[in-house]
Amino acid sequence: MRMYARVPIGAALAGVALAGALLDPATARPPVSAASSVAPASSVAPASTLRPAPVSPAPSATTCTASREVSIGAGVTARLVFGPSGPEVTFEDGPGHPIPSLGRLDRSHPALPASAGISAEILTPYGPAPRLRTKVEGGAQAPYQVQDFPRPAENCRKAAAR
């Protein structure tokens, strides 16, 4: 190899070694020279004892809330939210504006009244996997739509089970 080609390769290898030493100090030991017969004693403990087991942070109310939007027909969107206080549903029109005449569904009010003009009900509002059953258009013979609520993160479900 020519000399000018070796310099960038040597610099690159030195950079990789330096980056490795910064990322994992346990591997940053001085090299053993051929002249010394005794390897230097390492004052660094093995890497497995330096790193404690990962601990997930305690879930908070904001991180334990999952939401999603679903179209239920006739230009109406239902925002499904499932959090520590249970399932909640709000209704919005096409551009995302709330529809105050439909109100909000939750555990204390799991179904819309008949006067709302559409049928919407939270099935099993106290269960671990609530569902929203709706019928917006199509008359009495039309089938209901059923949507699952989103699930919170796994660490939230474990915290709720304790």
N, C-alpha and C. Protein backbone atom coordinates (compact mmCIF):
# COMPACT_ATOMS: atom_id res chain seq x y z
N MET A 1 0.83 -1.18 0.00
CA MET A 1 0.00 0.00 0.00
C MET A 1 0.87 1.24 0.00
N ARG A 2 0.38 2.24 -0.61
CA ARG A 2 1.10 3.50 -0.60
C ARG A 2 0.89 4.19 0.74
N MET A 3 1.79 5.06 1.08
CA MET A 3 1.76 5.74 2.37
C MET A 3 0.53 6.61 2.54
N TYR A 4 0.12 7.34 1.49
CA TYR A 4 -1.02 8.24 1.64
C TYR A 4 -2.33 7.46 1.82
N ALA A 5 -2.37 6.20 1.47
CA ALA A 5 -3.58 5.39 1.66
C ALA A 5 -3.63 4.82 3.07
N ARG A 6 -2.47 4.64 3.70
CA ARG A 6 -2.43 4.07 5.04
C ARG A 6 -2.88 5.07 6.11
N VAL A 7 -2.62 6.32 5.93
CA VAL A 7 -2.93 7.31 6.95
C VAL A 7 -4.44 7.38 7.21
N PRO A 8 -5.30 7.49 6.19
CA PRO A 8 -6.73 7.53 6.49
C PRO A 8 -7.24 6.24 7.13
N ILE A 9 -6.71 5.11 6.73
CA ILE A 9 -7.14 3.83 7.32
C ILE A 9 -6.72 3.79 8.78
N GLY A 10 -5.48 4.20 9.07
CA GLY A 10 -5.01 4.22 10.45
C GLY A 10 -5.82 5.17 11.31
N ALA A 11 -6.16 6.33 10.76
CA ALA A 11 -6.97 7.29 11.51
C ALA A 11 -8.37 6.75 11.74
N ALA A 12 -8.91 6.07 10.76
CA ALA A 12 -10.24 5.49 10.92
C ALA A 12 -10.25 4.41 12.00
N LEU A 13 -9.21 3.56 12.00
CA LEU A 13 -9.13 2.52 13.03
C LEU A 13 -8.96 3.13 14.41
N ALA A 14 -8.17 4.18 14.53
CA ALA A 14 -7.99 4.84 15.82
C ALA A 14 -9.31 5.46 16.28
N GLY A 15 -10.06 6.03 15.34
CA GLY A 15 -11.36 6.61 15.69
C GLY A 15 -12.34 5.55 16.17
N VAL A 16 -12.34 4.39 15.53
CA VAL A 16 -13.22 3.30 15.95
C VAL A 16 -12.83 2.81 17.33
N ALA A 17 -11.54 2.68 17.59
CA ALA A 17 -11.09 2.23 18.91
C ALA A 17 -11.46 3.25 19.99
N LEU A 18 -11.30 4.54 19.68
CA LEU A 18 -11.67 5.57 20.64
C LEU A 18 -13.17 5.57 20.92
N ALA A 19 -13.97 5.42 19.87
CA ALA A 19 -15.43 5.37 20.05
C ALA A 19 -15.83 4.16 20.87
N GLY A 20 -15.19 3.04 20.63
CA GLY A 20 -15.48 1.84 21.43
C GLY A 20 -15.12 2.03 22.88
N ALA A 21 -14.01 2.71 23.14
CA ALA A 21 -13.58 2.95 24.52
C ALA A 21 -14.54 3.90 25.22
N LEU A 22 -15.06 4.87 24.50
CA LEU A 22 -16.01 5.80 25.12
C LEU A 22 -17.35 5.14 25.38
N LEU A 23 -17.76 4.25 24.49
CA LEU A 23 -19.05 3.58 24.67
C LEU A 23 -19.01 2.50 25.73
N ASP A 24 -17.90 1.79 25.83
CA ASP A 24 -17.80 0.71 26.81
C ASP A 24 -16.44 0.81 27.51
N PRO A 25 -16.37 1.52 28.65
CA PRO A 25 -15.09 1.71 29.32
C PRO A 25 -14.46 0.41 29.82
N ALA A 26 -15.25 -0.66 29.96
CA ALA A 26 -14.69 -1.92 30.44
C ALA A 26 -13.72 -2.51 29.43
N THR A 27 -13.88 -2.18 28.16
CA THR A 27 -12.97 -2.72 27.15
C THR A 27 -11.79 -1.81 26.91
N ALA A 28 -11.74 -0.65 27.54
CA ALA A 28 -10.65 0.30 27.33
C ALA A 28 -9.50 -0.02 28.28
N ARG A 29 -8.74 -1.02 27.95
CA ARG A 29 -7.58 -1.40 28.75
C ARG A 29 -6.32 -1.15 27.92
N PRO A 30 -5.23 -0.82 28.55
CA PRO A 30 -4.01 -0.63 27.76
C PRO A 30 -3.59 -1.97 27.15
N PRO A 31 -3.10 -1.92 25.94
CA PRO A 31 -2.68 -3.18 25.31
C PRO A 31 -1.46 -3.78 26.02
N VAL A 32 -1.38 -5.09 26.00
CA VAL A 32 -0.25 -5.80 26.62
C VAL A 32 0.86 -5.85 25.59
N SER A 33 2.02 -5.32 25.96
CA SER A 33 3.15 -5.33 25.01
C SER A 33 3.83 -6.69 25.07
N ALA A 34 4.53 -6.98 24.02
CA ALA A 34 5.24 -8.26 23.95
C ALA A 34 6.39 -8.29 24.95
N ALA A 35 6.91 -7.13 25.34
CA ALA A 35 8.04 -7.07 26.27
C ALA A 35 7.61 -7.42 27.69
N SER A 36 6.40 -7.08 28.07
CA SER A 36 5.98 -7.37 29.45
C SER A 36 5.34 -8.74 29.49
N SER A 37 5.70 -9.49 30.47
CA SER A 37 5.18 -10.84 30.58
C SER A 37 3.94 -10.90 31.47
N VAL A 38 3.70 -9.85 32.22
CA VAL A 38 2.57 -9.83 33.13
C VAL A 38 1.54 -8.85 32.61
N ALA A 39 0.31 -9.30 32.49
CA ALA A 39 -0.76 -8.41 32.04
C ALA A 39 -1.14 -7.48 33.18
N PRO A 40 -1.46 -6.24 32.90
CA PRO A 40 -1.84 -5.32 33.97
C PRO A 40 -3.14 -5.76 34.62
N ALA A 41 -3.19 -5.59 35.93
CA ALA A 41 -4.40 -5.96 36.67
C ALA A 41 -5.51 -4.98 36.32
N SER A 42 -6.64 -5.51 36.08
CA SER A 42 -7.77 -4.66 35.69
C SER A 42 -8.52 -4.24 36.95
N SER A 43 -8.70 -2.94 37.09
CA SER A 43 -9.46 -2.44 38.23
C SER A 43 -10.93 -2.26 37.86
N VAL A 44 -11.27 -2.64 36.66
CA VAL A 44 -12.65 -2.49 36.19
C VAL A 44 -13.34 -3.83 36.31
N ALA A 45 -14.51 -3.82 36.91
CA ALA A 45 -15.27 -5.05 37.07
C ALA A 45 -15.82 -5.49 35.70
N PRO A 46 -16.16 -6.75 35.55
CA PRO A 46 -16.75 -7.20 34.28
C PRO A 46 -18.00 -6.39 33.95
N ALA A 47 -18.27 -6.29 32.67
CA ALA A 47 -19.37 -5.44 32.21
C ALA A 47 -20.72 -5.88 32.76
N SER A 48 -20.89 -7.17 33.01
CA SER A 48 -22.19 -7.65 33.49
C SER A 48 -22.51 -7.15 34.90
N THR A 49 -21.49 -6.87 35.71
CA THR A 49 -21.75 -6.38 37.06
C THR A 49 -21.91 -4.87 37.10
N LEU A 50 -21.46 -4.16 36.05
CA LEU A 50 -21.58 -2.70 36.03
C LEU A 50 -22.97 -2.24 35.63
N ARG A 51 -23.63 -2.99 34.80
CA ARG A 51 -24.91 -2.56 34.27
C ARG A 51 -26.05 -3.26 35.01
N PRO A 52 -26.84 -2.50 35.76
CA PRO A 52 -27.98 -3.13 36.43
C PRO A 52 -29.05 -3.50 35.40
N ALA A 53 -29.94 -4.36 35.82
CA ALA A 53 -31.03 -4.76 34.94
C ALA A 53 -31.89 -3.54 34.62
N PRO A 54 -32.37 -3.44 33.38
CA PRO A 54 -33.19 -2.28 33.03
C PRO A 54 -34.48 -2.25 33.84
N VAL A 55 -34.79 -1.08 34.34
CA VAL A 55 -36.00 -0.91 35.13
C VAL A 55 -36.88 0.07 34.38
N SER A 56 -38.10 -0.34 34.11
CA SER A 56 -39.00 0.57 33.41
C SER A 56 -39.54 1.58 34.41
N PRO A 57 -39.67 2.82 33.99
CA PRO A 57 -40.18 3.82 34.92
C PRO A 57 -41.62 3.54 35.29
N ALA A 58 -42.02 4.04 36.43
CA ALA A 58 -43.40 3.85 36.86
C ALA A 58 -44.33 4.53 35.87
N PRO A 59 -45.35 3.82 35.39
CA PRO A 59 -46.23 4.42 34.40
C PRO A 59 -47.04 5.57 35.00
N SER A 60 -47.22 6.62 34.22
CA SER A 60 -48.04 7.74 34.66
C SER A 60 -49.36 7.73 33.92
N ALA A 61 -50.27 8.58 34.33
CA ALA A 61 -51.59 8.63 33.71
C ALA A 61 -51.51 9.02 32.24
N THR A 62 -50.57 9.89 31.89
CA THR A 62 -50.48 10.30 30.49
C THR A 62 -49.85 9.22 29.63
N THR A 63 -48.89 8.45 30.15
CA THR A 63 -48.28 7.41 29.35
C THR A 63 -49.15 6.16 29.30
N CYS A 64 -50.10 6.04 30.20
CA CYS A 64 -50.98 4.88 30.23
C CYS A 64 -52.30 5.15 29.54
N THR A 65 -52.33 6.09 28.65
CA THR A 65 -53.54 6.41 27.90
C THR A 65 -53.28 6.15 26.43
N ALA A 66 -54.14 5.35 25.81
CA ALA A 66 -54.03 5.06 24.39
C ALA A 66 -55.27 5.60 23.69
N SER A 67 -55.08 6.15 22.49
CA SER A 67 -56.23 6.69 21.77
C SER A 67 -56.09 6.40 20.29
N ARG A 68 -57.23 6.40 19.61
CA ARG A 68 -57.25 6.29 18.16
C ARG A 68 -58.58 6.81 17.65
N GLU A 69 -58.62 7.17 16.39
CA GLU A 69 -59.83 7.67 15.76
C GLU A 69 -60.32 6.63 14.77
N VAL A 70 -61.64 6.43 14.74
CA VAL A 70 -62.25 5.52 13.78
C VAL A 70 -63.44 6.20 13.13
N SER A 71 -63.64 5.93 11.86
CA SER A 71 -64.79 6.46 11.15
C SER A 71 -65.98 5.54 11.41
N ILE A 72 -67.10 6.12 11.82
CA ILE A 72 -68.27 5.29 12.11
C ILE A 72 -69.39 5.52 11.09
N GLY A 73 -69.15 6.35 10.07
CA GLY A 73 -70.11 6.56 8.99
C GLY A 73 -70.73 7.94 9.03
N ALA A 74 -71.28 8.35 7.87
CA ALA A 74 -71.96 9.63 7.70
C ALA A 74 -71.06 10.81 8.07
N GLY A 75 -69.77 10.68 7.84
CA GLY A 75 -68.84 11.77 8.12
C GLY A 75 -68.53 11.96 9.59
N VAL A 76 -68.88 11.01 10.44
CA VAL A 76 -68.66 11.11 11.88
C VAL A 76 -67.46 10.24 12.25
N THR A 77 -66.58 10.81 13.08
CA THR A 77 -65.41 10.10 13.58
C THR A 77 -65.55 9.96 15.09
N ALA A 78 -65.23 8.78 15.59
CA ALA A 78 -65.24 8.55 17.04
C ALA A 78 -63.80 8.49 17.52
N ARG A 79 -63.48 9.27 18.54
CA ARG A 79 -62.15 9.21 19.16
C ARG A 79 -62.27 8.29 20.37
N LEU A 80 -61.59 7.15 20.28
CA LEU A 80 -61.60 6.15 21.36
C LEU A 80 -60.38 6.36 22.23
N VAL A 81 -60.60 6.56 23.52
CA VAL A 81 -59.51 6.76 24.47
C VAL A 81 -59.67 5.73 25.59
N PHE A 82 -58.60 5.02 25.89
CA PHE A 82 -58.63 4.04 26.97
C PHE A 82 -57.49 4.36 27.91
N GLY A 83 -57.81 4.72 29.14
CA GLY A 83 -56.80 5.11 30.12
C GLY A 83 -57.14 4.58 31.49
N PRO A 84 -56.50 5.11 32.53
CA PRO A 84 -56.73 4.64 33.89
C PRO A 84 -58.17 4.84 34.37
N SER A 85 -58.85 5.85 33.84
CA SER A 85 -60.25 6.08 34.26
C SER A 85 -61.23 5.30 33.41
N GLY A 86 -60.76 4.46 32.51
CA GLY A 86 -61.63 3.62 31.71
C GLY A 86 -61.78 4.15 30.29
N PRO A 87 -62.71 3.55 29.53
CA PRO A 87 -62.90 3.96 28.15
C PRO A 87 -63.70 5.26 28.04
N GLU A 88 -63.36 6.09 27.05
CA GLU A 88 -64.08 7.32 26.78
C GLU A 88 -64.21 7.47 25.27
N VAL A 89 -65.33 8.03 24.82
CA VAL A 89 -65.57 8.26 23.40
C VAL A 89 -66.08 9.68 23.22
N THR A 90 -65.49 10.40 22.27
CA THR A 90 -66.03 11.68 21.84
C THR A 90 -66.24 11.59 20.34
N PHE A 91 -67.19 12.36 19.84
CA PHE A 91 -67.56 12.30 18.43
C PHE A 91 -67.17 13.61 17.75
N GLU A 92 -66.66 13.50 16.52
CA GLU A 92 -66.22 14.66 15.76
C GLU A 92 -66.75 14.55 14.34
N ASP A 93 -66.90 15.73 13.68
CA ASP A 93 -67.30 15.71 12.28
C ASP A 93 -66.06 15.54 11.41
N GLY A 94 -66.23 15.58 10.10
CA GLY A 94 -65.14 15.36 9.16
C GLY A 94 -63.89 16.18 9.42
N PRO A 95 -63.98 17.52 9.59
CA PRO A 95 -62.76 18.31 9.81
C PRO A 95 -62.18 18.18 11.22
N GLY A 96 -62.76 17.40 12.09
CA GLY A 96 -62.21 17.21 13.43
C GLY A 96 -62.81 18.11 14.49
N HIS A 97 -63.95 18.70 14.22
CA HIS A 97 -64.62 19.54 15.22
C HIS A 97 -65.55 18.68 16.08
N PRO A 98 -65.55 18.86 17.39
CA PRO A 98 -66.43 18.08 18.26
C PRO A 98 -67.90 18.31 17.91
N ILE A 99 -68.70 17.27 18.10
CA ILE A 99 -70.15 17.35 17.90
C ILE A 99 -70.77 17.37 19.29
N PRO A 100 -71.09 18.57 19.82
CA PRO A 100 -71.58 18.67 21.20
C PRO A 100 -72.93 17.99 21.41
N SER A 101 -73.74 17.88 20.37
CA SER A 101 -75.07 17.26 20.55
C SER A 101 -74.96 15.77 20.86
N LEU A 102 -73.86 15.13 20.48
CA LEU A 102 -73.68 13.71 20.78
C LEU A 102 -73.03 13.50 22.14
N GLY A 103 -72.34 14.48 22.63
CA GLY A 103 -71.74 14.38 23.97
C GLY A 103 -70.57 13.43 24.02
N ARG A 104 -70.43 12.80 25.16
CA ARG A 104 -69.28 11.95 25.45
C ARG A 104 -69.76 10.68 26.13
N LEU A 105 -69.18 9.56 25.78
CA LEU A 105 -69.49 8.28 26.43
C LEU A 105 -68.33 7.91 27.35
N ASP A 106 -68.67 7.36 28.51
CA ASP A 106 -67.66 6.85 29.44
C ASP A 106 -68.34 5.79 30.31
N ARG A 107 -67.69 5.41 31.39
CA ARG A 107 -68.26 4.36 32.25
C ARG A 107 -69.58 4.77 32.88
N SER A 108 -69.70 6.04 33.25
CA SER A 108 -70.95 6.48 33.90
C SER A 108 -72.09 6.67 32.90
N HIS A 109 -71.78 6.94 31.64
CA HIS A 109 -72.77 7.08 30.57
C HIS A 109 -72.29 6.26 29.37
N PRO A 110 -72.51 4.93 29.38
CA PRO A 110 -71.93 4.09 28.32
C PRO A 110 -72.70 4.09 27.00
N ALA A 111 -73.90 4.70 26.93
CA ALA A 111 -74.67 4.66 25.69
C ALA A 111 -75.30 6.01 25.40
N LEU A 112 -75.44 6.31 24.11
CA LEU A 112 -76.14 7.54 23.73
C LEU A 112 -77.65 7.33 23.89
N PRO A 113 -78.39 8.38 24.21
CA PRO A 113 -79.86 8.24 24.29
C PRO A 113 -80.43 8.03 22.89
N ALA A 114 -81.65 7.51 22.81
CA ALA A 114 -82.30 7.26 21.53
C ALA A 114 -82.51 8.56 20.75
N SER A 115 -82.62 9.68 21.44
CA SER A 115 -82.85 10.96 20.78
C SER A 115 -81.60 11.49 20.06
N ALA A 116 -80.46 10.85 20.20
CA ALA A 116 -79.21 11.33 19.58
C ALA A 116 -79.22 11.18 18.07
N GLY A 117 -80.03 10.28 17.54
CA GLY A 117 -80.08 10.08 16.11
C GLY A 117 -79.17 8.98 15.61
N ILE A 118 -78.20 8.56 16.41
CA ILE A 118 -77.35 7.42 16.08
C ILE A 118 -77.30 6.50 17.29
N SER A 119 -76.89 5.27 17.05
CA SER A 119 -76.76 4.31 18.14
C SER A 119 -75.28 4.12 18.43
N ALA A 120 -74.90 4.36 19.66
CA ALA A 120 -73.50 4.16 20.09
C ALA A 120 -73.50 3.71 21.53
N GLU A 121 -72.71 2.68 21.81
CA GLU A 121 -72.66 2.11 23.16
C GLU A 121 -71.30 1.48 23.40
N ILE A 122 -70.78 1.69 24.61
CA ILE A 122 -69.53 1.01 25.02
C ILE A 122 -69.93 -0.33 25.60
N LEU A 123 -69.44 -1.39 24.98
CA LEU A 123 -69.70 -2.74 25.49
C LEU A 123 -68.62 -3.07 26.52
N THR A 124 -68.99 -3.67 27.62
CA THR A 124 -68.12 -4.01 28.76
C THR A 124 -67.23 -2.83 29.18
N PRO A 125 -67.84 -1.72 29.65
CA PRO A 125 -67.04 -0.54 30.01
C PRO A 125 -66.12 -0.78 31.21
N TYR A 126 -66.38 -1.79 32.04
CA TYR A 126 -65.51 -2.07 33.18
C TYR A 126 -64.57 -3.24 32.90
N GLY A 127 -64.64 -3.81 31.72
CA GLY A 127 -63.79 -4.94 31.38
C GLY A 127 -62.42 -4.52 30.90
N PRO A 128 -61.52 -5.48 30.70
CA PRO A 128 -60.16 -5.16 30.26
C PRO A 128 -60.06 -4.84 28.77
N ALA A 129 -61.08 -5.20 27.99
CA ALA A 129 -61.04 -4.97 26.54
C ALA A 129 -62.40 -4.43 26.08
N PRO A 130 -62.70 -3.16 26.38
CA PRO A 130 -64.00 -2.61 25.96
C PRO A 130 -64.07 -2.44 24.45
N ARG A 131 -65.30 -2.38 23.94
CA ARG A 131 -65.54 -2.22 22.51
C ARG A 131 -66.64 -1.18 22.32
N LEU A 132 -66.62 -0.49 21.19
CA LEU A 132 -67.64 0.49 20.86
C LEU A 132 -68.52 -0.10 19.76
N ARG A 133 -69.83 -0.15 20.03
CA ARG A 133 -70.80 -0.65 19.04
C ARG A 133 -71.58 0.55 18.52
N THR A 134 -71.60 0.74 17.20
CA THR A 134 -72.28 1.89 16.61
C THR A 134 -73.12 1.49 15.41
N LYS A 135 -74.15 2.29 15.16
CA LYS A 135 -74.93 2.22 13.93
C LYS A 135 -75.33 3.66 13.62
N VAL A 136 -74.84 4.19 12.52
CA VAL A 136 -75.08 5.58 12.18
C VAL A 136 -76.08 5.69 11.04
N GLU A 137 -75.97 4.85 10.04
CA GLU A 137 -76.84 4.94 8.88
C GLU A 137 -77.24 3.55 8.42
N GLY A 138 -78.31 3.46 7.68
CA GLY A 138 -78.73 2.18 7.12
C GLY A 138 -80.04 1.67 7.67
N GLY A 139 -80.61 2.31 8.65
CA GLY A 139 -81.91 1.89 9.18
C GLY A 139 -81.81 0.72 10.13
N ALA A 140 -82.98 0.19 10.46
CA ALA A 140 -83.05 -0.88 11.46
C ALA A 140 -82.41 -2.18 10.99
N GLN A 141 -82.38 -2.41 9.68
CA GLN A 141 -81.84 -3.66 9.15
C GLN A 141 -80.32 -3.65 8.99
N ALA A 142 -79.69 -2.50 9.11
CA ALA A 142 -78.23 -2.39 8.93
C ALA A 142 -77.51 -3.03 10.11
N PRO A 143 -76.37 -3.66 9.84
CA PRO A 143 -75.61 -4.26 10.94
C PRO A 143 -74.88 -3.21 11.77
N TYR A 144 -74.57 -3.56 12.99
CA TYR A 144 -73.78 -2.69 13.86
C TYR A 144 -72.31 -2.80 13.48
N GLN A 145 -71.59 -1.73 13.69
CA GLN A 145 -70.13 -1.75 13.59
C GLN A 145 -69.58 -1.90 15.00
N VAL A 146 -68.53 -2.67 15.15
CA VAL A 146 -67.91 -2.85 16.47
C VAL A 146 -66.42 -2.55 16.33
N GLN A 147 -65.95 -1.64 17.18
CA GLN A 147 -64.55 -1.22 17.17
C GLN A 147 -63.92 -1.53 18.52
N ASP A 148 -62.71 -2.07 18.51
CA ASP A 148 -61.97 -2.31 19.75
C ASP A 148 -61.30 -1.02 20.21
N PHE A 149 -61.26 -0.81 21.51
CA PHE A 149 -60.51 0.31 22.06
C PHE A 149 -59.03 -0.02 22.00
N PRO A 150 -58.16 0.98 21.84
CA PRO A 150 -56.73 0.70 21.83
C PRO A 150 -56.26 0.23 23.19
N ARG A 151 -55.22 -0.57 23.18
CA ARG A 151 -54.68 -1.12 24.43
C ARG A 151 -53.56 -0.22 24.94
N PRO A 152 -53.52 0.06 26.25
CA PRO A 152 -52.39 0.81 26.80
C PRO A 152 -51.12 -0.02 26.74
N ALA A 153 -50.00 0.59 27.04
CA ALA A 153 -48.71 -0.09 27.00
C ALA A 153 -48.69 -1.25 27.99
N GLU A 154 -47.83 -2.21 27.74
CA GLU A 154 -47.75 -3.42 28.56
C GLU A 154 -47.42 -3.11 30.01
N ASN A 155 -46.50 -2.17 30.27
CA ASN A 155 -46.15 -1.86 31.66
C ASN A 155 -47.31 -1.20 32.39
N CYS A 156 -48.25 -0.58 31.68
CA CYS A 156 -49.43 0.01 32.33
C CYS A 156 -50.39 -1.09 32.76
N ARG A 157 -50.54 -2.09 31.92
CA ARG A 157 -51.44 -3.20 32.28
C ARG A 157 -50.90 -3.97 33.47
N LYS A 158 -49.57 -4.12 33.56
CA LYS A 158 -48.97 -4.82 34.69
C LYS A 158 -49.14 -4.01 35.97
N ALA A 159 -49.01 -2.68 35.88
CA ALA A 159 -49.16 -1.84 37.05
C ALA A 159 -50.59 -1.84 37.55
N ALA A 160 -51.54 -1.91 36.63
CA ALA A 160 -52.96 -1.94 37.02
C ALA A 160 -53.33 -3.27 37.68
N ALA A 161 -52.63 -4.33 37.32
CA ALA A 161 -52.93 -5.65 37.88
C ALA A 161 -52.40 -5.81 39.31
N ARG A 162 -51.46 -4.96 39.71
CA ARG A 162 -50.88 -5.08 41.07
C ARG A 162 -51.85 -4.69 42.14
